[in-house]
C-alpha atoms as a PDB file:
ATOM      1  CA  UNK A   1       0.004   0.010   0.003  1.00  0.00           C
ATOM      2  CA  UNK A   2       1.422   3.380  -1.031  1.00  0.00           C
ATOM      3  CA  UNK A   3       2.161   5.923   1.697  1.00  0.00           C
ATOM      4  CA  UNK A   4      -0.169   8.915   1.687  1.00  0.00           C
ATOM      5  CA  UNK A   5       2.217  11.481   3.193  1.00  0.00           C
ATOM      6  CA  UNK A   6       6.012  11.457   3.578  1.00  0.00           C
ATOM      7  CA  UNK A   7       7.423  14.566   5.223  1.00  0.00           C
ATOM      8  CA  UNK A   8      11.200  14.856   5.333  1.00  0.00           C
ATOM      9  CA  UNK A   9      12.245  17.456   7.911  1.00  0.00           C
ATOM     10  CA  UNK A  10      15.594  19.090   7.350  1.00  0.00           C
ATOM     11  CA  UNK A  11      17.185  22.392   8.192  1.00  0.00           C
ATOM     12  CA  UNK A  12      19.730  24.159  10.351  1.00  0.00           C
ATOM     13  CA  UNK A  13      20.794  22.872  13.753  1.00  0.00           C
ATOM     14  CA  UNK A  14      18.861  24.742  16.414  1.00  0.00           C
ATOM     15  CA  UNK A  15      16.026  25.716  14.093  1.00  0.00           C
ATOM     16  CA  UNK A  16      13.364  23.538  15.786  1.00  0.00           C
ATOM     17  CA  UNK A  17      13.439  20.153  14.080  1.00  0.00           C
ATOM     18  CA  UNK A  18      12.872  18.296  17.352  1.00  0.00           C
ATOM     19  CA  UNK A  19       9.772  20.395  18.031  1.00  0.00           C
ATOM     20  CA  UNK A  20       8.604  19.775  14.465  1.00  0.00           C
ATOM     21  CA  UNK A  21       8.876  15.978  14.645  1.00  0.00           C
ATOM     22  CA  UNK A  22       7.047  15.903  18.006  1.00  0.00           C
ATOM     23  CA  UNK A  23       4.301  18.125  16.542  1.00  0.00           C
ATOM     24  CA  UNK A  24       3.788  15.646  13.693  1.00  0.00           C
ATOM     25  CA  UNK A  25       3.837  12.688  16.066  1.00  0.00           C
ATOM     26  CA  UNK A  26       1.036  14.334  18.065  1.00  0.00           C
ATOM     27  CA  UNK A  27      -1.249  14.318  15.009  1.00  0.00           C
ATOM     28  CA  UNK A  28      -0.668  10.709  14.073  1.00  0.00           C
ATOM     29  CA  UNK A  29       2.447  10.605  11.907  1.00  0.00           C
ATOM     30  CA  UNK A  30       4.871   7.684  12.345  1.00  0.00           C
ATOM     31  CA  UNK A  31       8.068   9.589  13.159  1.00  0.00           C
ATOM     32  CA  UNK A  32      11.773   8.762  13.078  1.00  0.00           C
ATOM     33  CA  UNK A  33      14.419  11.251  14.228  1.00  0.00           C
ATOM     34  CA  UNK A  34      17.891  11.230  12.665  1.00  0.00           C
ATOM     35  CA  UNK A  35      17.428   8.425  10.145  1.00  0.00           C
ATOM     36  CA  UNK A  36      20.502   8.235   7.864  1.00  0.00           C
ATOM     37  CA  UNK A  37      19.407   9.149   4.365  1.00  0.00           C
ATOM     38  CA  UNK A  38      20.951   5.968   2.972  1.00  0.00           C
ATOM     39  CA  UNK A  39      18.402   3.976   4.973  1.00  0.00           C
ATOM     40  CA  UNK A  40      15.406   6.017   3.798  1.00  0.00           C
ATOM     41  CA  UNK A  41      14.516   3.840   0.758  1.00  0.00           C
ATOM     42  CA  UNK A  42      14.459   0.675   2.877  1.00  0.00           C
ATOM     43  CA  UNK A  43      12.507   2.403   5.647  1.00  0.00           C
ATOM     44  CA  UNK A  44       9.810   3.549   3.212  1.00  0.00           C
ATOM     45  CA  UNK A  45       9.643   0.070   1.689  1.00  0.00           C
ATOM     46  CA  UNK A  46       9.044  -1.457   5.135  1.00  0.00           C
ATOM     47  CA  UNK A  47       6.366   1.137   5.911  1.00  0.00           C
ATOM     48  CA  UNK A  48       4.511   0.197   2.727  1.00  0.00           C
ATOM     49  CA  UNK A  49       4.574  -3.419   3.856  1.00  0.00           C
ATOM     50  CA  UNK A  50       2.800  -2.562   7.106  1.00  0.00           C
ATOM     51  CA  UNK A  51      -0.564  -3.527   5.662  1.00  0.00           C
ATOM     52  CA  UNK A  52      -1.946   0.001   5.871  1.00  0.00           C
ATOM     53  CA  UNK A  53      -1.104   0.485   9.537  1.00  0.00           C
ATOM     54  CA  UNK A  54       1.375   3.217   8.533  1.00  0.00           C
ATOM     55  CA  UNK A  55       0.136   5.737   5.988  1.00  0.00           C
ATOM     56  CA  UNK A  56       1.832   8.978   7.077  1.00  0.00           C
ATOM     57  CA  UNK A  57       5.486   9.163   8.045  1.00  0.00           C
ATOM     58  CA  UNK A  58       7.854  11.966   9.054  1.00  0.00           C
ATOM     59  CA  UNK A  59      11.633  11.689   9.117  1.00  0.00           C
ATOM     60  CA  UNK A  60      14.278  14.126  10.388  1.00  0.00           C
ATOM     61  CA  UNK A  61      17.387  14.195   8.219  1.00  0.00           C
ATOM     62  CA  UNK A  62      20.073  16.723   9.064  1.00  0.00           C
ATOM     63  CA  UNK A  63      23.770  17.170   9.760  1.00  0.00           C
ATOM     64  CA  UNK A  64      23.657  14.474  12.448  1.00  0.00           C
ATOM     65  CA  UNK A  65      22.940  11.872   9.755  1.00  0.00           C
ATOM     66  CA  UNK A  66      26.273  12.708   8.138  1.00  0.00           C
ATOM     67  CA  UNK A  67      28.056  12.395  11.488  1.00  0.00           C
ATOM     68  CA  UNK A  68      27.149   8.698  11.538  1.00  0.00           C
ATOM     69  CA  UNK A  69      29.919   8.268   8.985  1.00  0.00           C
ATOM     70  CA  UNK A  70      33.668   8.867   9.487  1.00  0.00           C
ATOM     71  CA  UNK A  71      33.623  12.296   7.882  1.00  0.00           C
ATOM     72  CA  UNK A  72      34.586  14.559  10.724  1.00  0.00           C
ATOM     73  CA  UNK A  73      37.893  15.222  12.477  1.00  0.00           C
ATOM     74  CA  UNK A  74      38.087  14.923  16.250  1.00  0.00           C
ATOM     75  CA  UNK A  75      40.167  18.060  16.766  1.00  0.00           C
ATOM     76  CA  UNK A  76      39.477  21.761  16.409  1.00  0.00           C
ATOM     77  CA  UNK A  77      41.630  21.911  13.248  1.00  0.00           C
ATOM     78  CA  UNK A  78      38.453  21.592  11.151  1.00  0.00           C
ATOM     79  CA  UNK A  79      38.278  24.214   8.381  1.00  0.00           C
ATOM     80  CA  UNK A  80      36.388  24.883   5.173  1.00  0.00           C
ATOM     81  CA  UNK A  81      39.409  23.754   3.193  1.00  0.00           C
ATOM     82  CA  UNK A  82      39.716  20.381   4.964  1.00  0.00           C
ATOM     83  CA  UNK A  83      39.024  17.145   3.046  1.00  0.00           C
ATOM     84  CA  UNK A  84      36.204  16.419   5.495  1.00  0.00           C
ATOM     85  CA  UNK A  85      34.206  19.379   4.140  1.00  0.00           C
ATOM     86  CA  UNK A  86      34.455  17.872   0.673  1.00  0.00           C
ATOM     87  CA  UNK A  87      33.174  14.579   2.071  1.00  0.00           C
ATOM     88  CA  UNK A  88      30.299  16.441   3.742  1.00  0.00           C
ATOM     89  CA  UNK A  89      29.428  18.078   0.433  1.00  0.00           C
ATOM     90  CA  UNK A  90      29.420  14.665  -1.266  1.00  0.00           C
ATOM     91  CA  UNK A  91      27.115  13.316   1.474  1.00  0.00           C
ATOM     92  CA  UNK A  92      24.473  15.992   0.821  1.00  0.00           C
ATOM     93  CA  UNK A  93      24.839  15.586  -2.938  1.00  0.00           C
ATOM     94  CA  UNK A  94      24.084  11.889  -2.419  1.00  0.00           C
ATOM     95  CA  UNK A  95      21.121  12.889  -0.232  1.00  0.00           C
ATOM     96  CA  UNK A  96      19.663  15.032  -2.998  1.00  0.00           C
ATOM     97  CA  UNK A  97      20.075  12.190  -5.529  1.00  0.00           C
ATOM     98  CA  UNK A  98      18.347   9.696  -3.212  1.00  0.00           C
ATOM     99  CA  UNK A  99      15.405  12.043  -2.616  1.00  0.00           C
ATOM    100  CA  UNK A 100      15.077  12.807  -6.328  1.00  0.00           C
ATOM    101  CA  UNK A 101      15.150   9.100  -7.204  1.00  0.00           C
ATOM    102  CA  UNK A 102      12.471   8.270  -4.602  1.00  0.00           C
ATOM    103  CA  UNK A 103      10.274  11.079  -5.977  1.00  0.00           C
ATOM    104  CA  UNK A 104      10.723   9.694  -9.506  1.00  0.00           C
ATOM    105  CA  UNK A 105       9.668   6.280  -8.228  1.00  0.00           C
ATOM    106  CA  UNK A 106       6.388   7.799  -7.053  1.00  0.00           C
ATOM    107  CA  UNK A 107       7.014   8.380  -3.362  1.00  0.00           C
ATOM    108  CA  UNK A 108       5.226  11.621  -2.361  1.00  0.00           C
ATOM    109  CA  UNK A 109       8.191  13.086  -0.515  1.00  0.00           C
ATOM    110  CA  UNK A 110       7.743  16.587   0.843  1.00  0.00           C
ATOM    111  CA  UNK A 111      10.715  18.451   2.246  1.00  0.00           C
ATOM    112  CA  UNK A 112       9.992  20.756   5.176  1.00  0.00           C
ATOM    113  CA  UNK A 113      13.054  22.947   5.728  1.00  0.00           C
ATOM    114  CA  UNK A 114      13.529  24.900   8.964  1.00  0.00           C
ATOM    115  CA  UNK A 115      15.912  27.798   9.435  1.00  0.00           C
ATOM    116  CA  UNK A 116      16.462  30.886  11.559  1.00  0.00           C
ATOM    117  CA  UNK A 117      18.646  33.987  11.552  1.00  0.00           C
ATOM    118  CA  UNK A 118      22.313  33.728  12.551  1.00  0.00           C
ATOM    119  CA  UNK A 119      21.825  35.829  15.751  1.00  0.00           C
ATOM    120  CA  UNK A 120      18.850  33.701  16.850  1.00  0.00           C
ATOM    121  CA  UNK A 121      20.669  30.427  16.235  1.00  0.00           C
ATOM    122  CA  UNK A 122      23.762  31.709  18.030  1.00  0.00           C
ATOM    123  CA  UNK A 123      21.640  32.728  21.013  1.00  0.00           C
ATOM    124  CA  UNK A 124      19.882  29.354  21.119  1.00  0.00           C
ATOM    125  CA  UNK A 125      23.184  27.471  21.200  1.00  0.00           C
ATOM    126  CA  UNK A 126      24.569  29.800  23.858  1.00  0.00           C
ATOM    127  CA  UNK A 127      21.483  29.448  26.056  1.00  0.00           C
ATOM    128  CA  UNK A 128      21.487  25.626  25.865  1.00  0.00           C
ATOM    129  CA  UNK A 129      25.300  25.386  26.071  1.00  0.00           C
ATOM    130  CA  UNK A 130      25.255  22.995  23.162  1.00  0.00           C
ATOM    131  CA  UNK A 131      28.126  22.660  20.718  1.00  0.00           C
ATOM    132  CA  UNK A 132      27.258  23.277  17.092  1.00  0.00           C
ATOM    133  CA  UNK A 133      27.972  20.079  15.117  1.00  0.00           C
ATOM    134  CA  UNK A 134      30.151  21.955  12.613  1.00  0.00           C
ATOM    135  CA  UNK A 135      31.871  24.402  15.006  1.00  0.00           C
ATOM    136  CA  UNK A 136      34.396  21.866  16.413  1.00  0.00           C
ATOM    137  CA  UNK A 137      35.596  24.076  19.211  1.00  0.00           C
ATOM    138  CA  UNK A 138      35.567  27.208  17.068  1.00  0.00           C
ATOM    139  CA  UNK A 139      33.020  30.051  16.896  1.00  0.00           C
ATOM    140  CA  UNK A 140      29.391  28.928  16.771  1.00  0.00           C
ATOM    141  CA  UNK A 141      28.722  31.439  13.994  1.00  0.00           C
ATOM    142  CA  UNK A 142      31.258  29.787  11.699  1.00  0.00           C
ATOM    143  CA  UNK A 143      29.532  26.420  12.178  1.00  0.00           C
ATOM    144  CA  UNK A 144      26.137  27.990  11.437  1.00  0.00           C
ATOM    145  CA  UNK A 145      27.330  29.630   8.245  1.00  0.00           C
ATOM    146  CA  UNK A 146      29.062  26.474   7.017  1.00  0.00           C
ATOM    147  CA  UNK A 147      25.943  24.380   7.685  1.00  0.00           C
ATOM    148  CA  UNK A 148      23.737  26.954   5.913  1.00  0.00           C
ATOM    149  CA  UNK A 149      26.017  26.768   2.892  1.00  0.00           C
ATOM    150  CA  UNK A 150      26.082  22.957   2.738  1.00  0.00           C
ATOM    151  CA  UNK A 151      22.324  22.591   3.193  1.00  0.00           C
ATOM    152  CA  UNK A 152      21.467  25.040   0.391  1.00  0.00           C
ATOM    153  CA  UNK A 153      20.896  22.216  -2.082  1.00  0.00           C
ATOM    154  CA  UNK A 154      18.338  20.540   0.197  1.00  0.00           C
ATOM    155  CA  UNK A 155      16.689  23.913   0.832  1.00  0.00           C
ATOM    156  CA  UNK A 156      16.297  24.474  -2.902  1.00  0.00           C
ATOM    157  CA  UNK A 157      14.312  21.203  -3.125  1.00  0.00           C
ATOM    158  CA  UNK A 158      12.002  22.108  -0.228  1.00  0.00           C
ATOM    159  CA  UNK A 159       8.241  22.244  -0.525  1.00  0.00           C
ATOM    160  CA  UNK A 160       8.033  24.561   2.463  1.00  0.00           C
ATOM    161  CA  UNK A 161      10.672  26.743   4.114  1.00  0.00           C
ATOM    162  CA  UNK A 162       9.869  28.029   7.594  1.00  0.00           C
ATOM    163  CA  UNK A 163      11.873  30.732   9.357  1.00  0.00           C
ATOM    164  CA  UNK A 164      11.494  29.947  13.068  1.00  0.00           C
ATOM    165  CA  UNK A 165      13.293  33.043  14.328  1.00  0.00           C
ATOM    166  CA  UNK A 166      10.190  34.699  15.751  1.00  0.00           C
ATOM    167  CA  UNK A 167       8.387  31.532  16.935  1.00  0.00           C
ATOM    168  CA  UNK A 168       8.162  30.140  20.430  1.00  0.00           C
ATOM    169  CA  UNK A 169       7.715  26.372  20.882  1.00  0.00           C
ATOM    170  CA  UNK A 170       3.914  26.558  20.883  1.00  0.00           C
ATOM    171  CA  UNK A 171       3.758  28.788  17.782  1.00  0.00           C
ATOM    172  CA  UNK A 172       6.125  26.512  15.877  1.00  0.00           C
ATOM    173  CA  UNK A 173       4.116  23.446  16.813  1.00  0.00           C
ATOM    174  CA  UNK A 174       0.953  25.142  15.527  1.00  0.00           C
ATOM    175  CA  UNK A 175       2.701  26.175  12.295  1.00  0.00           C
ATOM    176  CA  UNK A 176       4.005  22.638  11.627  1.00  0.00           C
ATOM    177  CA  UNK A 177       0.669  21.012  12.273  1.00  0.00           C
ATOM    178  CA  UNK A 178      -1.088  23.600  10.084  1.00  0.00           C
ATOM    179  CA  UNK A 179       1.264  22.655   7.244  1.00  0.00           C
ATOM    180  CA  UNK A 180       0.791  18.921   7.769  1.00  0.00           C
ATOM    181  CA  UNK A 181      -2.987  19.175   7.782  1.00  0.00           C
ATOM    182  CA  UNK A 182      -3.043  20.812   4.364  1.00  0.00           C
ATOM    183  CA  UNK A 183      -3.552  18.379   1.534  1.00  0.00           C
ATOM    184  CA  UNK A 184      -0.395  18.198  -0.543  1.00  0.00           C
ATOM    185  CA  UNK A 185      -0.502  17.737  -4.311  1.00  0.00           C
ATOM    186  CA  UNK A 186       2.777  16.749  -5.929  1.00  0.00           C
ATOM    187  CA  UNK A 187       2.223  18.642  -9.193  1.00  0.00           C
ATOM    188  CA  UNK A 188       1.033  21.833  -7.520  1.00  0.00           C
ATOM    189  CA  UNK A 189       3.039  24.889  -6.528  1.00  0.00           C
ATOM    190  CA  UNK A 190       2.409  26.478  -3.160  1.00  0.00           C
ATOM    191  CA  UNK A 191       2.674  30.246  -3.552  1.00  0.00           C
ATOM    192  CA  UNK A 192       3.047  32.081  -0.266  1.00  0.00           C
ATOM    193  CA  UNK A 193       2.511  35.848  -0.122  1.00  0.00           C
ATOM    194  CA  UNK A 194       4.132  37.200   2.995  1.00  0.00           C
ATOM    195  CA  UNK A 195       3.986  40.654   4.547  1.00  0.00           C
ATOM    196  CA  UNK A 196       6.687  41.639   7.029  1.00  0.00           C
ATOM    197  CA  UNK A 197       8.295  44.559   8.839  1.00  0.00           C
ATOM    198  CA  UNK A 198      11.909  45.479   8.136  1.00  0.00           C
ATOM    199  CA  UNK A 199      12.152  46.454  11.799  1.00  0.00           C
ATOM    200  CA  UNK A 200      11.973  42.753  12.684  1.00  0.00           C
ATOM    201  CA  UNK A 201      14.351  41.461  10.047  1.00  0.00           C
ATOM    202  CA  UNK A 202      14.146  40.093   6.534  1.00  0.00           C
ATOM    203  CA  UNK A 203      12.365  36.693   6.233  1.00  0.00           C
ATOM    204  CA  UNK A 204      14.888  33.986   5.374  1.00  0.00           C
ATOM    205  CA  UNK A 205      12.267  31.852   3.646  1.00  0.00           C
ATOM    206  CA  UNK A 206      11.536  34.479   0.978  1.00  0.00           C
ATOM    207  CA  UNK A 207      12.487  33.795  -2.636  1.00  0.00           C
ATOM    208  CA  UNK A 208      11.615  37.337  -3.743  1.00  0.00           C
ATOM    209  CA  UNK A 209      11.594  40.392  -1.517  1.00  0.00           C
ATOM    210  CA  UNK A 210      10.017  43.745  -2.426  1.00  0.00           C
ATOM    211  CA  UNK A 211      10.131  46.968  -0.440  1.00  0.00           C
ATOM    212  CA  UNK A 212       6.918  48.975   0.050  1.00  0.00           C
ATOM    213  CA  UNK A 213       8.522  51.638   2.260  1.00  0.00           C
ATOM    214  CA  UNK A 214       8.481  54.004  -0.722  1.00  0.00           C
ATOM    215  CA  UNK A 215       4.690  54.358  -0.404  1.00  0.00           C
ATOM    216  CA  UNK A 216       2.814  56.912   1.801  1.00  0.00           C
ATOM    217  CA  UNK A 217       2.762  55.625   5.371  1.00  0.00           C
ATOM    218  CA  UNK A 218      -0.541  55.430   7.341  1.00  0.00           C
ATOM    219  CA  UNK A 219       1.509  55.283  10.554  1.00  0.00           C
ATOM    220  CA  UNK A 220       1.853  59.064  10.418  1.00  0.00           C
ATOM    221  CA  UNK A 221      -1.905  59.565  10.306  1.00  0.00           C
ATOM    222  CA  UNK A 222      -3.001  59.659  13.921  1.00  0.00           C
ATOM    223  CA  UNK A 223      -6.367  57.942  13.468  1.00  0.00           C
ATOM    224  CA  UNK A 224      -4.772  55.140  11.419  1.00  0.00           C
ATOM    225  CA  UNK A 225      -1.596  54.642  13.447  1.00  0.00           C
ATOM    226  CA  UNK A 226      -2.924  51.891  15.723  1.00  0.00           C
ATOM    227  CA  UNK A 227      -4.923  50.071  13.035  1.00  0.00           C
ATOM    228  CA  UNK A 228      -3.745  47.209  10.820  1.00  0.00           C
ATOM    229  CA  UNK A 229      -3.714  46.773   7.068  1.00  0.00           C
ATOM    230  CA  UNK A 230      -6.842  44.679   7.236  1.00  0.00           C
ATOM    231  CA  UNK A 231      -8.894  47.688   8.398  1.00  0.00           C
ATOM    232  CA  UNK A 232     -10.891  49.270   5.504  1.00  0.00           C
ATOM    233  CA  UNK A 233      -9.707  52.737   6.533  1.00  0.00           C
ATOM    234  CA  UNK A 234      -6.077  51.763   6.176  1.00  0.00           C
ATOM    235  CA  UNK A 235      -6.791  49.995   2.867  1.00  0.00           C
ATOM    236  CA  UNK A 236      -8.507  53.106   1.533  1.00  0.00           C
ATOM    237  CA  UNK A 237      -5.622  55.344   2.606  1.00  0.00           C
ATOM    238  CA  UNK A 238      -2.924  53.159   1.005  1.00  0.00           C
ATOM    239  CA  UNK A 239      -4.803  52.587  -2.246  1.00  0.00           C
ATOM    240  CA  UNK A 240      -5.802  56.215  -2.824  1.00  0.00           C
ATOM    241  CA  UNK A 241      -2.311  57.062  -4.099  1.00  0.00           C
ATOM    242  CA  UNK A 242      -1.418  56.515  -7.750  1.00  0.00           C
ATOM    243  CA  UNK A 243       2.037  55.228  -6.789  1.00  0.00           C
ATOM    244  CA  UNK A 244       0.410  52.491  -4.696  1.00  0.00           C
ATOM    245  CA  UNK A 245      -1.793  51.388  -7.607  1.00  0.00           C
ATOM    246  CA  UNK A 246       1.217  51.403  -9.935  1.00  0.00           C
ATOM    247  CA  UNK A 247       3.265  49.469  -7.360  1.00  0.00           C
ATOM    248  CA  UNK A 248       0.648  46.696  -7.308  1.00  0.00           C
ATOM    249  CA  UNK A 249       0.406  46.637 -11.097  1.00  0.00           C
ATOM    250  CA  UNK A 250       4.146  46.315 -11.551  1.00  0.00           C
ATOM    251  CA  UNK A 251       4.462  43.518  -8.961  1.00  0.00           C
ATOM    252  CA  UNK A 252       1.538  41.676 -10.537  1.00  0.00           C
ATOM    253  CA  UNK A 253       3.183  41.894 -13.982  1.00  0.00           C
ATOM    254  CA  UNK A 254       6.430  40.527 -12.524  1.00  0.00           C
ATOM    255  CA  UNK A 255       4.666  37.634 -10.776  1.00  0.00           C
ATOM    256  CA  UNK A 256       2.581  36.859 -13.868  1.00  0.00           C
ATOM    257  CA  UNK A 257       5.781  36.633 -15.901  1.00  0.00           C
ATOM    258  CA  UNK A 258       7.661  34.495 -13.349  1.00  0.00           C
ATOM    259  CA  UNK A 259       5.036  31.928 -12.297  1.00  0.00           C
ATOM    260  CA  UNK A 260       4.887  29.981 -15.609  1.00  0.00           C
ATOM    261  CA  UNK A 261       8.697  29.834 -15.635  1.00  0.00           C
ATOM    262  CA  UNK A 262       8.829  28.453 -12.096  1.00  0.00           C
ATOM    263  CA  UNK A 263       6.101  25.938 -12.882  1.00  0.00           C
ATOM    264  CA  UNK A 264       7.972  24.832 -15.980  1.00  0.00           C
ATOM    265  CA  UNK A 265      11.075  24.203 -13.882  1.00  0.00           C
ATOM    266  CA  UNK A 266       9.046  22.077 -11.456  1.00  0.00           C
ATOM    267  CA  UNK A 267       9.373  24.439  -8.486  1.00  0.00           C
ATOM    268  CA  UNK A 268       6.912  23.384  -5.794  1.00  0.00           C
ATOM    269  CA  UNK A 269       7.188  26.318  -3.387  1.00  0.00           C
ATOM    270  CA  UNK A 270       7.599  30.026  -3.928  1.00  0.00           C
ATOM    271  CA  UNK A 271       7.489  32.742  -1.279  1.00  0.00           C
ATOM    272  CA  UNK A 272       7.097  36.391  -2.281  1.00  0.00           C
ATOM    273  CA  UNK A 273       7.615  38.808   0.586  1.00  0.00           C
ATOM    274  CA  UNK A 274       6.678  42.467   0.669  1.00  0.00           C
ATOM    275  CA  UNK A 275       7.914  44.570   3.531  1.00  0.00           C
ATOM    276  CA  UNK A 276       7.284  47.975   5.055  1.00  0.00           C
ATOM    277  CA  UNK A 277       8.703  49.457   8.251  1.00  0.00           C
ATOM    278  CA  UNK A 278       6.562  47.667  10.814  1.00  0.00           C
ATOM    279  CA  UNK A 279       4.714  45.114   8.688  1.00  0.00           C
ATOM    280  CA  UNK A 280       1.290  46.294   9.862  1.00  0.00           C
ATOM    281  CA  UNK A 281       0.089  48.749   7.209  1.00  0.00           C
ATOM    282  CA  UNK A 282       1.402  49.102   3.651  1.00  0.00           C
ATOM    283  CA  UNK A 283       2.814  45.609   3.199  1.00  0.00           C
ATOM    284  CA  UNK A 284      -0.403  44.009   4.474  1.00  0.00           C
ATOM    285  CA  UNK A 285      -2.550  46.028   2.082  1.00  0.00           C
ATOM    286  CA  UNK A 286      -0.316  45.291  -0.908  1.00  0.00           C
ATOM    287  CA  UNK A 287      -0.207  41.553  -0.128  1.00  0.00           C
ATOM    288  CA  UNK A 288      -3.977  41.363   0.255  1.00  0.00           C
ATOM    289  CA  UNK A 289      -4.563  43.180  -3.030  1.00  0.00           C
ATOM    290  CA  UNK A 290      -2.088  41.005  -4.845  1.00  0.00           C
ATOM    291  CA  UNK A 291      -3.677  37.857  -3.392  1.00  0.00           C
ATOM    292  CA  UNK A 292      -7.134  38.888  -4.646  1.00  0.00           C
ATOM    293  CA  UNK A 293      -5.829  39.404  -8.173  1.00  0.00           C
ATOM    294  CA  UNK A 294      -3.879  36.131  -8.234  1.00  0.00           C
ATOM    295  CA  UNK A 295      -6.768  34.084  -6.849  1.00  0.00           C
ATOM    296  CA  UNK A 296      -8.982  35.222  -9.699  1.00  0.00           C
ATOM    297  CA  UNK A 297      -6.463  34.582 -12.442  1.00  0.00           C
ATOM    298  CA  UNK A 298      -4.669  31.436 -11.212  1.00  0.00           C
ATOM    299  CA  UNK A 299      -7.567  29.468  -9.691  1.00  0.00           C
ATOM    300  CA  UNK A 300      -7.370  25.868 -10.920  1.00  0.00           C
ATOM    301  CA  UNK A 301      -4.075  26.397 -12.723  1.00  0.00           C
ATOM    302  CA  UNK A 302      -1.720  24.453 -10.444  1.00  0.00           C
ATOM    303  CA  UNK A 303      -1.228  27.164  -7.842  1.00  0.00           C
ATOM    304  CA  UNK A 304      -2.190  26.874  -4.169  1.00  0.00           C
ATOM    305  CA  UNK A 305      -2.142  30.371  -2.653  1.00  0.00           C
ATOM    306  CA  UNK A 306      -1.361  31.116   0.994  1.00  0.00           C
ATOM    307  CA  UNK A 307      -1.227  34.505   2.670  1.00  0.00           C
ATOM    308  CA  UNK A 308       0.777  35.252   5.822  1.00  0.00           C
ATOM    309  CA  UNK A 309       1.192  38.475   7.760  1.00  0.00           C
ATOM    310  CA  UNK A 310       4.289  37.787   9.839  1.00  0.00           C
ATOM    311  CA  UNK A 311       4.430  40.928  11.962  1.00  0.00           C
ATOM    312  CA  UNK A 312       0.831  42.132  11.979  1.00  0.00           C
ATOM    313  CA  UNK A 313       0.393  41.509  15.713  1.00  0.00           C
ATOM    314  CA  UNK A 314       3.595  43.225  16.771  1.00  0.00           C
ATOM    315  CA  UNK A 315       3.556  46.707  18.194  1.00  0.00           C
END
């Protein structure tokens, strides 16, 4: 019996993969943490032979899987130029090939990639007093940056990229379960439109980032200052300006041009982020307007549209 859902969780050390796998286990997934990627084909084969008792599985595959093999030195002399880094790169290249082959064989593998900003990851390792698996006695930040570089190929294959920088444990659990409870279609692209505030940092998961800070700001209108971009009064204020209308038109033309190209290349996930200063006014309005246009034109054409307002509740 074919498996209905296979979620492969990958991402940066400290980004929340343990929380993610527990969240999926809580909603009925059969979960395995730190399964070496070389064993994944056999594991899926055994799951299919379970007589239907296992239909949804989740597996964590990250840098620890590579450490099961004699790739790493035991001293702090580890460097980007060392032979071990080349071996690590080969390991992840093999991982990509295995995942691609399994997909071609019909396994509905989804990759859920977790990441966070360098300062957040550094703080998390410092608070827990854990050693980064690629730091080897050196600065944590160097290990983070090396891991980010080596995991880029897996990230590029991901169906969903989640930046956990601003999430607490409960928010991340809710986000993971929300993703898992969506029905996934292998030949469909998930297009995420994301509003954010530059004051809170650029979203790592974004493929395209556009800046709406050039538009008139409702924050400086006293009666609009405390409202959000979902309020009709804020919408009316932002859209009354010709430059706002032109801004939306130009973005729409860009997206309309790019989507068929991404679909042709088989891209399964695309995140377009639009930011303003606080992420509560202009970016929300622009994202909502763009979503309305895209829903009308791309309904039933292989696009699943999601809208997120990352910083709307922040003051």
